[in-house]
Protein backbone atom coordinates (compact mmCIF):
# COMPACT_ATOMS: atom_id res chain seq x y z
CA MET A 1 -42.58 -75.81 2.03
CA GLY A 2 -44.54 -74.35 4.92
CA ALA A 3 -46.87 -76.21 7.21
CA ARG A 4 -49.86 -74.96 5.25
CA ASP A 5 -48.87 -76.39 1.90
CA PHE A 6 -51.32 -76.04 -0.97
CA GLU A 7 -53.69 -78.92 -1.52
CA ARG A 8 -53.10 -80.79 -4.75
CA GLN A 9 -56.11 -81.63 -6.88
CA LEU A 10 -56.38 -84.53 -9.28
CA LEU A 11 -56.23 -83.57 -12.95
CA SER A 12 -59.11 -85.31 -14.69
CA GLY A 13 -60.63 -85.43 -18.12
CA ALA A 14 -63.30 -83.09 -16.89
CA ASP A 15 -60.72 -80.29 -16.71
CA GLY A 16 -61.07 -79.89 -20.48
CA GLY A 17 -58.81 -77.92 -22.78
CA THR A 18 -56.36 -78.93 -25.48
CA ARG A 19 -54.13 -81.86 -24.54
CA HIS A 20 -50.43 -82.14 -25.37
CA GLU A 21 -47.89 -84.91 -24.79
CA ALA A 22 -44.12 -84.38 -24.71
CA ASP A 23 -40.91 -85.69 -23.24
CA VAL A 24 -39.88 -82.15 -22.31
CA LEU A 25 -41.99 -79.06 -21.69
CA VAL A 26 -40.03 -75.81 -21.81
CA ILE A 27 -41.79 -72.87 -20.14
CA GLY A 28 -40.53 -69.60 -21.58
CA GLY A 29 -39.35 -68.65 -25.06
CA GLY A 30 -36.44 -66.29 -24.46
CA PRO A 31 -32.83 -67.30 -25.18
CA ALA A 32 -32.64 -69.81 -22.31
CA GLY A 33 -35.91 -71.47 -23.30
CA ALA A 34 -34.99 -71.54 -26.98
CA TRP A 35 -31.59 -73.13 -26.31
CA ALA A 36 -33.25 -75.64 -23.96
CA ALA A 37 -35.73 -76.65 -26.65
CA VAL A 38 -33.02 -77.03 -29.29
CA SER A 39 -30.78 -79.00 -26.94
CA ALA A 40 -33.56 -81.32 -25.76
CA ALA A 41 -34.68 -82.03 -29.31
CA ALA A 42 -31.08 -82.79 -30.34
CA ARG A 43 -31.12 -85.62 -27.78
CA GLY A 44 -34.18 -87.14 -29.39
CA ALA A 45 -36.81 -85.74 -27.04
CA ARG A 46 -40.28 -84.66 -28.12
CA VAL A 47 -40.33 -80.99 -27.08
CA LEU A 48 -43.14 -78.54 -26.41
CA LEU A 49 -42.31 -74.87 -25.71
CA ALA A 50 -44.94 -72.60 -24.13
CA ASP A 51 -44.36 -68.86 -24.23
CA LYS A 52 -46.31 -66.22 -22.35
CA GLY A 53 -45.87 -63.94 -25.36
CA PHE A 54 -44.64 -64.68 -28.89
CA CYS A 55 -41.45 -66.74 -28.86
CA GLY A 56 -38.80 -64.60 -30.52
CA THR A 57 -40.19 -61.19 -29.61
CA SER A 58 -41.07 -61.26 -25.91
CA GLY A 59 -38.77 -60.90 -22.92
CA ALA A 60 -35.79 -58.76 -21.99
CA THR A 61 -33.42 -59.90 -24.75
CA ALA A 62 -35.66 -59.65 -27.82
CA PRO A 63 -36.07 -55.84 -28.11
CA SER A 64 -32.50 -54.78 -27.44
CA GLY A 65 -28.82 -55.55 -27.75
CA THR A 66 -26.77 -57.25 -25.07
CA GLY A 67 -23.15 -57.91 -24.34
CA LEU A 68 -21.91 -61.52 -24.27
CA TRP A 69 -19.30 -63.05 -21.94
CA HIS A 70 -17.34 -64.45 -24.89
CA VAL A 71 -13.69 -64.88 -23.86
CA PRO A 72 -11.00 -66.84 -25.75
CA ALA A 73 -9.25 -69.70 -23.98
CA GLU A 74 -5.76 -68.61 -25.02
CA GLY A 75 -3.45 -67.00 -22.48
CA THR A 76 -4.82 -65.57 -19.26
CA ALA A 77 -7.96 -63.90 -20.64
CA ARG A 78 -10.44 -66.25 -18.96
CA GLU A 79 -8.66 -66.22 -15.60
CA GLU A 80 -8.68 -62.42 -15.67
CA ALA A 81 -12.36 -62.34 -16.68
CA LYS A 82 -13.26 -64.65 -13.81
CA ALA A 83 -11.16 -62.78 -11.27
CA SER A 84 -12.88 -59.43 -11.79
CA ARG A 85 -16.35 -60.91 -11.47
CA PHE A 86 -15.35 -63.09 -8.51
CA ALA A 87 -14.23 -60.04 -6.56
CA MET A 88 -17.24 -57.87 -7.44
CA GLY A 89 -19.63 -60.67 -6.48
CA GLY A 90 -18.25 -61.00 -2.97
CA GLN A 91 -16.42 -64.29 -3.70
CA LEU A 92 -19.67 -66.25 -3.95
CA ALA A 93 -19.19 -67.42 -7.55
CA GLU A 94 -17.69 -70.84 -8.27
CA HIS A 95 -14.75 -71.22 -10.65
CA ALA A 96 -15.94 -74.57 -11.99
CA TRP A 97 -19.24 -73.05 -13.10
CA MET A 98 -17.54 -69.97 -14.56
CA ASP A 99 -15.23 -72.26 -16.53
CA ARG A 100 -18.18 -74.29 -17.81
CA VAL A 101 -20.11 -71.20 -18.91
CA LEU A 102 -17.12 -69.63 -20.66
CA GLU A 103 -16.47 -72.85 -22.59
CA GLN A 104 -20.12 -73.53 -23.45
CA THR A 105 -20.63 -69.94 -24.55
CA TRP A 106 -17.65 -70.22 -26.87
CA THR A 107 -19.03 -73.46 -28.33
CA ASN A 108 -22.55 -72.11 -28.77
CA VAL A 109 -21.28 -68.97 -30.47
CA GLU A 110 -19.60 -71.22 -33.02
CA THR A 111 -23.01 -72.82 -33.54
CA LEU A 112 -24.58 -69.37 -34.01
CA LYS A 113 -21.99 -68.65 -36.69
CA GLU A 114 -22.93 -71.88 -38.48
CA TRP A 115 -26.61 -70.92 -38.26
CA GLY A 116 -25.85 -67.59 -39.92
CA TYR A 117 -26.10 -65.08 -37.10
CA PRO A 118 -24.72 -61.78 -38.52
CA PHE A 119 -21.84 -61.01 -36.17
CA PRO A 120 -20.15 -57.72 -37.17
CA VAL A 121 -16.63 -57.66 -38.59
CA ASP A 122 -13.81 -55.58 -37.08
CA ASP A 123 -11.12 -53.63 -38.93
CA GLN A 124 -8.96 -56.75 -39.22
CA GLY A 125 -11.78 -58.78 -40.78
CA ALA A 126 -12.47 -60.87 -37.66
CA LEU A 127 -15.95 -61.45 -36.31
CA ARG A 128 -16.81 -59.52 -33.13
CA CYS A 129 -18.73 -61.98 -30.94
CA THR A 130 -18.96 -60.05 -27.69
CA SER A 131 -22.49 -58.77 -28.26
CA LEU A 132 -25.82 -59.90 -29.69
CA GLN A 133 -28.62 -57.87 -31.23
CA GLY A 134 -31.83 -59.12 -29.65
CA PRO A 135 -34.19 -58.90 -32.64
CA GLU A 136 -31.85 -60.82 -34.97
CA TYR A 137 -30.76 -63.27 -32.27
CA MET A 138 -34.25 -64.23 -31.15
CA ARG A 139 -35.64 -64.33 -34.70
CA LEU A 140 -32.92 -66.87 -35.47
CA MET A 141 -33.55 -68.85 -32.29
CA ARG A 142 -37.27 -69.19 -33.06
CA LYS A 143 -36.36 -70.61 -36.47
CA ARG A 144 -33.95 -73.06 -34.90
CA VAL A 145 -36.50 -74.21 -32.32
CA LYS A 146 -38.96 -74.99 -35.09
CA ALA A 147 -36.26 -76.57 -37.27
CA ALA A 148 -35.38 -78.86 -34.36
CA GLY A 149 -38.92 -80.21 -34.42
CA ALA A 150 -40.15 -78.60 -31.21
CA ARG A 151 -43.74 -77.39 -31.09
CA ILE A 152 -44.34 -73.80 -29.94
CA LEU A 153 -47.39 -72.56 -28.05
CA ASP A 154 -47.35 -68.77 -28.43
CA HIS A 155 -49.39 -66.46 -26.19
CA SER A 156 -49.90 -69.41 -23.84
CA PRO A 157 -48.93 -68.53 -20.26
CA VAL A 158 -48.56 -71.45 -17.87
CA LEU A 159 -50.69 -71.25 -14.74
CA GLU A 160 -49.44 -74.20 -12.68
CA LEU A 161 -47.26 -77.29 -12.70
CA LEU A 162 -48.44 -80.88 -12.53
CA VAL A 163 -46.84 -83.48 -10.26
CA ASP A 164 -47.31 -87.22 -9.92
CA GLU A 165 -48.11 -89.10 -6.74
CA HIS A 166 -44.41 -89.07 -5.81
CA GLY A 167 -44.06 -85.31 -6.21
CA THR A 168 -42.15 -85.54 -9.50
CA VAL A 169 -43.05 -82.81 -11.98
CA CYS A 170 -44.93 -84.24 -14.96
CA GLY A 171 -46.34 -81.29 -16.91
CA ALA A 172 -48.29 -78.07 -16.61
CA THR A 173 -51.57 -76.37 -17.39
CA GLY A 174 -52.09 -73.01 -19.02
CA VAL A 175 -54.32 -70.85 -21.15
CA ASN A 176 -54.15 -69.39 -24.65
CA ARG A 177 -54.49 -65.62 -24.35
CA GLN A 178 -56.00 -65.23 -27.82
CA SER A 179 -58.61 -67.97 -27.77
CA GLY A 180 -59.20 -68.11 -24.03
CA GLU A 181 -58.97 -71.90 -24.23
CA SER A 182 -57.18 -73.82 -21.50
CA TRP A 183 -54.51 -76.39 -22.28
CA VAL A 184 -52.81 -79.28 -20.49
CA ALA A 185 -49.33 -80.64 -21.25
CA ARG A 186 -48.20 -84.00 -19.88
CA ALA A 187 -44.42 -84.20 -19.97
CA GLY A 188 -41.61 -86.35 -18.64
CA ALA A 189 -39.73 -83.27 -17.43
CA VAL A 190 -40.16 -79.49 -17.33
CA VAL A 191 -37.66 -76.66 -17.83
CA ILE A 192 -38.47 -73.35 -16.14
CA ALA A 193 -37.06 -70.60 -18.38
CA THR A 194 -39.54 -67.85 -17.54
CA GLY A 195 -36.99 -65.15 -16.78
CA GLY A 196 -36.75 -63.12 -13.61
CA CYS A 197 -39.09 -60.69 -11.88
CA ALA A 198 -38.93 -56.96 -12.64
CA PHE A 199 -42.14 -56.11 -10.75
CA LEU A 200 -43.79 -54.45 -13.77
CA SER A 201 -41.40 -51.50 -13.45
CA ARG A 202 -41.73 -50.67 -17.16
CA ALA A 203 -38.17 -51.61 -17.97
CA LEU A 204 -37.80 -52.52 -21.65
CA GLY A 205 -38.95 -56.05 -22.45
CA CYS A 206 -39.73 -56.85 -18.81
CA ASN A 207 -43.53 -56.57 -18.85
CA VAL A 208 -43.83 -60.38 -19.08
CA LEU A 209 -41.22 -61.01 -16.38
CA THR A 210 -43.19 -61.29 -13.15
CA GLY A 211 -41.63 -64.31 -11.41
CA ASP A 212 -44.29 -66.82 -12.54
CA GLY A 213 -41.84 -69.71 -12.93
CA GLN A 214 -40.41 -69.26 -9.46
CA LEU A 215 -43.90 -69.23 -7.93
CA MET A 216 -44.87 -72.44 -9.72
CA ALA A 217 -41.59 -74.08 -8.72
CA ALA A 218 -42.00 -73.07 -5.08
CA GLU A 219 -45.49 -74.57 -5.08
CA VAL A 220 -43.96 -77.99 -5.78
CA GLY A 221 -41.23 -77.48 -3.17
CA ALA A 222 -38.29 -76.03 -5.13
CA ALA A 223 -35.70 -73.91 -3.34
CA LEU A 224 -34.29 -70.56 -4.48
CA SER A 225 -30.86 -69.06 -3.94
CA GLY A 226 -29.43 -65.56 -3.76
CA MET A 227 -32.74 -63.76 -3.48
CA GLU A 228 -31.12 -61.04 -1.38
CA PHE A 229 -29.14 -60.08 -4.49
CA SER A 230 -32.25 -58.92 -6.31
CA ASN A 231 -32.21 -55.17 -5.84
CA ALA A 232 -30.77 -54.30 -9.24
CA TYR A 233 -31.94 -50.94 -10.58
CA GLY A 234 -31.48 -50.08 -14.24
CA LEU A 235 -30.35 -46.57 -15.15
CA GLY A 236 -32.21 -44.82 -17.96
CA PRO A 237 -33.99 -41.69 -19.13
CA ALA A 238 -37.00 -40.79 -17.00
CA PHE A 239 -39.12 -40.66 -20.18
CA SER A 240 -38.02 -44.06 -21.56
CA SER A 241 -38.20 -47.76 -20.72
CA VAL A 242 -34.67 -48.38 -22.04
CA THR A 243 -32.37 -49.21 -19.12
CA LYS A 244 -29.23 -50.13 -21.05
CA SER A 245 -26.59 -48.50 -18.88
CA LEU A 246 -23.30 -49.11 -20.72
CA PHE A 247 -23.29 -45.72 -22.43
CA TYR A 248 -23.57 -43.88 -19.12
CA ASN A 249 -19.91 -44.68 -18.54
CA TRP A 250 -19.38 -41.64 -20.78
CA ALA A 251 -21.91 -39.49 -18.90
CA THR A 252 -21.67 -36.68 -16.41
CA PHE A 253 -24.54 -36.36 -13.94
CA TYR A 254 -25.95 -32.99 -12.93
CA THR A 255 -28.47 -31.31 -10.66
CA ALA A 256 -31.29 -29.26 -12.18
CA ASP A 257 -29.16 -26.11 -12.06
CA GLY A 258 -26.33 -27.74 -14.01
CA VAL A 259 -23.93 -28.53 -11.17
CA ALA A 260 -22.05 -31.80 -11.60
CA ILE A 261 -22.89 -34.34 -8.87
CA GLU A 262 -19.68 -35.48 -7.24
CA GLY A 263 -19.24 -39.27 -7.17
CA ALA A 264 -22.24 -40.02 -9.41
CA GLY A 265 -21.67 -42.65 -12.06
CA SER A 266 -23.07 -45.73 -13.76
CA SER A 267 -20.68 -48.59 -13.00
CA LYS A 268 -19.54 -46.96 -9.77
CA GLY A 269 -21.49 -44.22 -8.11
CA ARG A 270 -25.02 -45.40 -8.87
CA GLY A 271 -25.70 -45.24 -5.15
CA VAL A 272 -24.94 -41.52 -5.27
CA ILE A 273 -27.56 -41.18 -7.99
CA ALA A 274 -30.10 -43.11 -5.88
CA GLN A 275 -29.31 -40.95 -2.85
CA THR A 276 -29.68 -37.74 -4.85
CA LEU A 277 -32.94 -38.87 -6.48
CA GLN A 278 -34.55 -39.11 -3.05
CA ALA A 279 -34.19 -35.32 -2.72
CA GLN A 280 -34.13 -33.89 -6.26
CA PRO A 281 -34.10 -34.78 -9.96
CA VAL A 282 -30.88 -35.99 -11.58
CA TYR A 283 -29.84 -35.16 -15.14
CA ALA A 284 -27.27 -36.77 -17.39
CA CYS A 285 -25.35 -35.87 -20.53
CA LEU A 286 -23.10 -38.18 -22.55
CA ASP A 287 -20.62 -35.35 -22.85
CA ARG A 288 -17.49 -37.45 -22.33
CA ALA A 289 -17.96 -39.45 -25.55
CA ASP A 290 -15.81 -38.37 -28.49
CA ALA A 291 -16.92 -38.55 -32.13
CA GLN A 292 -15.68 -42.11 -32.60
CA ILE A 293 -17.45 -43.38 -29.48
CA ARG A 294 -20.66 -41.59 -30.50
CA ALA A 295 -20.66 -43.31 -33.89
CA TRP A 296 -20.04 -46.69 -32.24
CA MET A 297 -22.92 -46.12 -29.81
CA ARG A 298 -25.36 -45.51 -32.65
CA THR A 299 -24.53 -48.84 -34.27
CA ALA A 300 -24.12 -50.89 -31.06
CA GLN A 301 -27.44 -49.94 -29.40
CA PRO A 302 -29.66 -48.14 -31.92
CA ASN A 303 -32.80 -48.49 -29.79
CA PHE A 304 -31.07 -46.54 -27.01
CA PHE A 305 -31.49 -43.39 -29.11
CA VAL A 306 -35.11 -43.85 -30.27
CA SER A 307 -36.69 -42.02 -27.33
CA PHE A 308 -34.14 -39.19 -27.57
CA ASP A 309 -34.82 -38.73 -31.27
CA ARG A 310 -38.56 -38.65 -30.64
CA GLN A 311 -38.09 -36.02 -27.93
CA GLY A 312 -35.70 -33.98 -30.08
CA ILE A 313 -32.92 -34.33 -27.49
CA ASP A 314 -29.23 -34.66 -28.33
CA PRO A 315 -27.96 -36.78 -25.39
CA PHE A 316 -24.35 -35.84 -26.20
CA THR A 317 -24.88 -32.11 -25.69
CA GLN A 318 -28.15 -31.67 -23.78
CA HIS A 319 -29.04 -32.58 -20.21
CA PHE A 320 -31.90 -35.07 -19.78
CA PRO A 321 -33.61 -36.43 -16.64
CA VAL A 322 -32.71 -39.96 -15.53
CA THR A 323 -34.23 -42.45 -13.15
CA LEU A 324 -33.48 -45.87 -11.68
CA ARG A 325 -36.02 -48.61 -12.48
CA LEU A 326 -36.09 -51.75 -10.38
CA GLU A 327 -35.17 -54.78 -12.48
CA GLY A 328 -35.19 -57.20 -9.56
CA THR A 329 -34.07 -60.70 -10.45
CA VAL A 330 -33.77 -59.89 -14.16
CA ARG A 331 -30.47 -58.05 -13.63
CA GLY A 332 -29.98 -59.36 -10.12
CA THR A 333 -28.67 -62.85 -9.49
CA GLY A 334 -31.38 -64.56 -7.43
CA GLY A 335 -33.37 -67.49 -8.81
CA LEU A 336 -34.07 -71.19 -8.52
CA HIS A 337 -31.36 -73.20 -6.79
CA LEU A 338 -29.55 -75.74 -8.99
CA ILE A 339 -28.19 -78.98 -7.58
CA ASP A 340 -26.03 -80.36 -10.39
CA ASP A 341 -24.45 -79.73 -13.79
CA SER A 342 -27.71 -80.54 -15.61
CA CYS A 343 -29.39 -77.49 -14.03
CA ALA A 344 -31.78 -79.71 -12.07
CA THR A 345 -33.66 -78.07 -9.20
CA THR A 346 -34.40 -79.61 -5.82
CA VAL A 347 -37.58 -81.19 -7.27
CA ALA A 348 -37.36 -84.29 -9.46
CA GLY A 349 -38.28 -83.65 -13.09
CA LEU A 350 -37.87 -79.87 -12.79
CA TYR A 351 -34.99 -77.94 -14.37
CA ALA A 352 -34.25 -74.23 -14.55
CA ALA A 353 -32.29 -71.97 -16.91
CA GLY A 354 -31.58 -68.34 -17.65
CA ASP A 355 -32.77 -65.59 -15.31
CA ALA A 356 -35.24 -68.00 -13.68
CA ALA A 357 -32.23 -69.79 -12.16
CA THR A 358 -29.70 -68.32 -9.76
CA ARG A 359 -26.68 -66.70 -11.39
CA GLU A 360 -24.66 -66.70 -8.15
CA LEU A 361 -22.70 -69.60 -9.64
CA ILE A 362 -20.98 -67.25 -12.10
CA CYS A 363 -21.72 -63.77 -10.71
CA GLY A 364 -21.87 -64.18 -6.95
CA GLY A 365 -23.76 -61.29 -5.39
CA PHE A 366 -23.20 -58.77 -8.18
CA THR A 367 -25.49 -58.12 -11.13
CA GLY A 368 -25.24 -60.50 -14.05
CA GLY A 369 -27.07 -58.04 -16.28
CA GLY A 370 -25.86 -57.96 -19.87
CA SER A 371 -22.92 -60.11 -20.89
CA HIS A 372 -22.92 -62.62 -18.03
CA ASN A 373 -26.68 -63.16 -18.11
CA ALA A 374 -26.56 -63.66 -21.88
CA ALA A 375 -23.81 -66.26 -21.56
CA TRP A 376 -25.63 -67.94 -18.69
CA ALA A 377 -28.89 -68.09 -20.68
CA LEU A 378 -27.42 -69.92 -23.66
CA SER A 379 -25.26 -72.20 -21.47
CA SER A 380 -27.77 -73.10 -18.77
CA GLY A 381 -30.51 -73.45 -21.38
CA PHE A 382 -28.36 -75.89 -23.31
CA TRP A 383 -27.61 -77.97 -20.19
CA ALA A 384 -31.14 -77.86 -18.79
CA GLY A 385 -32.61 -79.02 -22.11
CA ALA A 386 -30.21 -81.96 -22.27
CA GLY A 387 -30.82 -82.91 -18.64
CA ALA A 388 -34.58 -82.68 -19.00
CA ALA A 389 -34.47 -84.75 -22.20
CA ASP A 390 -32.61 -87.60 -20.49
CA PHE A 391 -34.89 -87.53 -17.47
CA GLY A 392 -38.06 -86.98 -19.47
CA ARG A 393 -37.62 -89.87 -21.88
CA ASP A 394 -36.96 -92.25 -19.00
CA ALA A 395 -39.90 -90.94 -16.98
CA ARG A 396 -42.30 -91.24 -19.89
CA ALA A 397 -41.09 -94.77 -20.62
CA ARG A 398 -41.60 -95.98 -17.04
CA SER A 399 -45.31 -95.39 -16.64
CA GLN A 400 -48.36 -93.26 -17.25
CA ARG A 401 -48.36 -91.27 -14.06
CA THR A 402 -51.26 -89.81 -12.14
CA ALA A 403 -51.23 -86.03 -12.57
CA LEU A 404 -52.01 -83.71 -9.69
CA ARG A 405 -52.49 -79.96 -10.04
CA ALA A 406 -50.00 -78.07 -7.86
CA GLY A 407 -51.21 -74.47 -8.25
CA GLY A 408 -52.32 -72.50 -5.22
CA VAL A 409 -53.25 -68.82 -4.98
CA ALA A 410 -55.99 -67.82 -7.46
CA LEU A 411 -56.40 -71.43 -8.59
CA ALA A 412 -56.97 -73.83 -5.69
CA THR A 413 -57.93 -71.39 -2.93
CA ARG A 414 -61.48 -71.75 -1.65
CA GLY A 415 -62.27 -68.41 -0.03
CA ALA A 416 -65.24 -66.28 -1.02
CA GLN A 417 -63.55 -62.87 -0.98
CA ALA A 418 -62.30 -61.71 -4.39
CA TRP A 419 -59.14 -59.62 -4.56
CA ASP A 420 -57.93 -56.98 -6.99
CA SER A 421 -54.76 -58.05 -8.83
CA GLN A 422 -53.79 -54.50 -9.72
CA ALA A 423 -54.15 -53.41 -6.10
CA VAL A 424 -51.84 -56.25 -5.06
CA VAL A 425 -49.28 -55.21 -7.68
CA ARG A 426 -49.35 -51.61 -6.46
CA ALA A 427 -48.97 -52.74 -2.85
CA VAL A 428 -45.91 -54.86 -3.70
CA GLN A 429 -44.37 -52.06 -5.77
CA ALA A 430 -44.80 -49.67 -2.84
CA GLU A 431 -42.52 -51.93 -0.81
CA VAL A 432 -39.86 -52.80 -3.40
CA PHE A 433 -39.55 -49.70 -5.61
CA PRO A 434 -38.40 -47.08 -3.05
CA TYR A 435 -34.62 -46.67 -2.88
CA GLU A 436 -34.77 -46.10 0.87
CA ARG A 437 -36.27 -49.58 1.34
CA ASN A 438 -34.63 -51.73 -1.30
CA TRP A 439 -31.44 -50.02 -2.48
CA PHE A 440 -30.37 -48.87 1.00
CA ARG A 441 -31.63 -51.68 3.22
CA GLU A 442 -32.05 -51.58 6.97
CA GLY A 443 -33.38 -54.24 9.34
CA ASP A 444 -36.34 -52.33 10.78
CA ALA A 445 -37.48 -51.23 7.32
CA LEU A 446 -37.23 -54.79 6.01
CA ARG A 447 -39.30 -56.11 8.92
CA ASP A 448 -41.81 -53.29 8.42
CA SER A 449 -42.26 -54.20 4.75
CA LEU A 450 -42.43 -57.91 5.49
CA ALA A 451 -45.23 -57.41 7.99
CA ARG A 452 -47.38 -55.86 5.27
CA LEU A 453 -46.30 -58.31 2.57
CA ASP A 454 -46.99 -61.34 4.80
CA ALA A 455 -50.42 -60.00 5.71
CA LEU A 456 -51.16 -59.43 2.03
CA TRP A 457 -50.15 -63.03 1.21
CA GLU A 458 -52.49 -64.29 3.92
CA ARG A 459 -55.37 -62.35 2.34
CA LEU A 460 -54.59 -63.83 -1.07
CA ARG A 461 -54.30 -67.28 0.42
CA GLN A 462 -57.78 -66.95 1.91
CA GLY A 463 -59.26 -65.32 -1.20
CA ALA A 464 -61.49 -66.62 -3.94
CA PRO A 465 -60.12 -68.31 -7.08
CA ALA A 466 -59.98 -66.28 -10.28
CA ALA A 467 -63.26 -65.97 -12.12
CA SER A 468 -61.82 -66.50 -15.60
CA ALA A 469 -58.67 -67.64 -17.36
CA ALA A 470 -57.66 -64.05 -18.13
CA ASP A 471 -58.18 -63.09 -14.50
CA ALA A 472 -56.12 -66.11 -13.44
CA VAL A 473 -53.13 -64.97 -15.51
CA ARG A 474 -53.17 -61.52 -13.92
CA ALA A 475 -53.77 -62.93 -10.45
CA ARG A 476 -50.90 -65.38 -10.75
CA GLU A 477 -48.57 -62.58 -11.87
CA ALA A 478 -49.53 -60.53 -8.83
CA ALA A 479 -49.06 -63.54 -6.53
CA ALA A 480 -45.65 -64.28 -8.08
CA MET A 481 -44.45 -60.71 -7.51
CA LEU A 482 -45.66 -60.88 -3.93
CA ALA A 483 -43.92 -64.20 -3.31
CA THR A 484 -40.70 -62.87 -4.86
CA SER A 485 -40.69 -59.80 -2.63
CA ARG A 486 -41.02 -61.97 0.48
CA TRP A 487 -38.13 -64.27 -0.53
CA MET A 488 -36.04 -61.19 -1.31
CA TYR A 489 -36.62 -59.40 1.96
CA ARG A 490 -36.44 -62.48 4.20
CA SER A 491 -33.07 -63.33 2.66
CA ALA A 492 -31.91 -59.71 2.90
CA LEU A 493 -32.85 -59.63 6.57
CA GLN A 494 -30.72 -62.69 7.30
CA ARG A 495 -27.60 -61.43 5.48
CA THR A 496 -26.30 -58.99 8.08
CA GLU A 497 -23.50 -57.51 6.00
CA THR A 498 -22.88 -55.57 2.79
CA ARG A 499 -21.78 -57.87 -0.04
CA GLY A 500 -22.21 -57.47 -3.79
CA MET A 501 -25.35 -55.50 -4.57
CA HIS A 502 -26.84 -56.24 -1.14
CA ARG A 503 -26.31 -53.20 1.11
CA ARG A 504 -27.28 -52.96 4.80
CA ARG A 505 -27.07 -49.51 6.40
CA GLU A 506 -26.35 -50.89 9.86
CA HIS A 507 -23.93 -53.56 8.53
CA SER A 508 -21.88 -51.57 6.03
CA ALA A 509 -18.87 -53.91 5.78
CA ILE A 510 -18.39 -57.36 4.33
CA ASP A 511 -18.35 -60.13 6.96
CA PRO A 512 -15.86 -62.92 6.06
CA SER A 513 -17.88 -65.41 8.12
CA GLN A 514 -20.87 -64.92 5.80
CA ARG A 515 -19.21 -66.19 2.65
CA HIS A 516 -22.07 -68.59 2.04
CA ARG A 517 -25.26 -68.69 -0.01
CA LEU A 518 -28.73 -68.22 1.36
CA LEU A 519 -31.33 -70.67 0.11
CA SER A 520 -34.97 -69.73 0.54
CA GLY A 521 -38.40 -71.06 -0.27
CA GLY A 522 -41.86 -71.68 1.05
CA LEU A 523 -45.01 -69.67 0.52
CA ASP A 524 -47.25 -69.55 3.55
CA GLU A 525 -44.14 -69.79 5.70
CA VAL A 526 -40.99 -68.44 4.05
CA TRP A 527 -37.77 -70.13 5.19
CA VAL A 528 -34.11 -69.18 4.73
CA ARG A 529 -31.04 -71.31 5.43
CA ARG A 530 -27.31 -71.25 4.74
CA HIS A 531 -25.65 -73.22 1.96
CA ALA A 532 -21.89 -73.65 1.49
CA VAL A 533 -20.04 -72.26 -1.53
CA GLN A 534 -17.86 -74.74 -3.40
CA ARG A 535 -14.29 -73.47 -3.21
CA ARG A 536 -11.15 -74.19 -5.20
CA ALA A 537 -8.61 -76.55 -3.62
CA GLU A 538 -6.15 -73.70 -3.08
CA GLU A 539 -8.84 -71.68 -1.34
CA GLU A 540 -9.57 -74.57 1.01
CA VAL A 541 -5.88 -74.79 1.92
CA ALA A 542 -5.74 -71.04 2.57
CA ALA A 543 -8.88 -71.21 4.73
């Protein structure tokens, strides 16, 4: 961390609130958090899960369908699946991690079958396991978390982590949104499964995804990785929050006067859409889908069509306006750096899973949105829960540790000047939303944004603590978005090439000498450093 690290305050009985004891505290109740809780409980750990919303309905997965990286082991299917992603991600993924995720996903899908998840049946009577419907999936996962014996704290956002005198994470504090009562959880280990940061861009299910877990982890010294690969924009109707982009593979994109835009597309050509949107509106029509594809779309992603039906628009025959919404690290790949197979972070007692953790390990520098993120969530959640359970039981057995509060901005700051959380959010959005700053990056523009973002952090750092628990939640969200933007742009500034989703105007080609990861961290002083990518033996010989 930077030279001006946050001061840690002793947690005492005078802090009040409801007290909880657990071997493992899981922060976040999406798929990664739910799998972590189930996995930890299966290893005999006492588990507490705290969700910012209602576990089973909040987050990016719950309200929509998602693909799943579910590939059979027979033949060459997995090697082919890995090869395409490896190339798109700029060769930053690692084959060992891709192999692990493919195998664990296959195993966990078998578990979902046993639990009764309603996978659809194809024409040959076989189950189709390459997608999951969020509402059914997360409803089932909540049931399994409770059946495993884990306790759930709904509507209970975490505000800060606790560490012992050695810097090992030993719990967290938070607040119940409904009662306003604070709570304290002492735990042997903590799993961060809080999702990514979408900067309150109004993308579906992302209103609770503001980077809180990464902020708390950075406050105790955790490193992040791949934050330059965080400029993922979701394509969707301008009048809707739904950014599911698969169906736009059957779309043609038009100007307002009905002229097709050359080169515009969803999988390839999204940059053309971004470029065009800077000058004029862009319209789409799913006019390349035949009757069979249209019927499949209605069953595969029914919520995609809700906003069209309400507007009285037939997306297959009528043109409708589209936009690109920033989804940041939700569909990007940046997140907390992992140091081993148990999904441990660089801080003892702290684990990470799902979108809160880097997905470079399986996606490199290209978006993991959809199928890869879904597979990563259930796999990394499973591993992080098991790792935290083993560590947590041992830690709890060793001693009753002194607990120190690790939170900074809006909690431990001592200034007298109050600051407006909404104004901070708007200021951050002004730097990260514009395509000309974040989609098409350029060194001078990055430095220009960072000057304002750094100055804003300094004001927050010198500001007054939040006046109430509700204010603290909003203030911490704003601080987390600000911290995320600074890690993103500092990393983007250091990667002087175009690789994966990271695009530099003045460095438009890939640079073979930059086939490495960029770790980042720090708050008052953001740092970035190189980290080697683990290569296959045959790659080492070729190099």
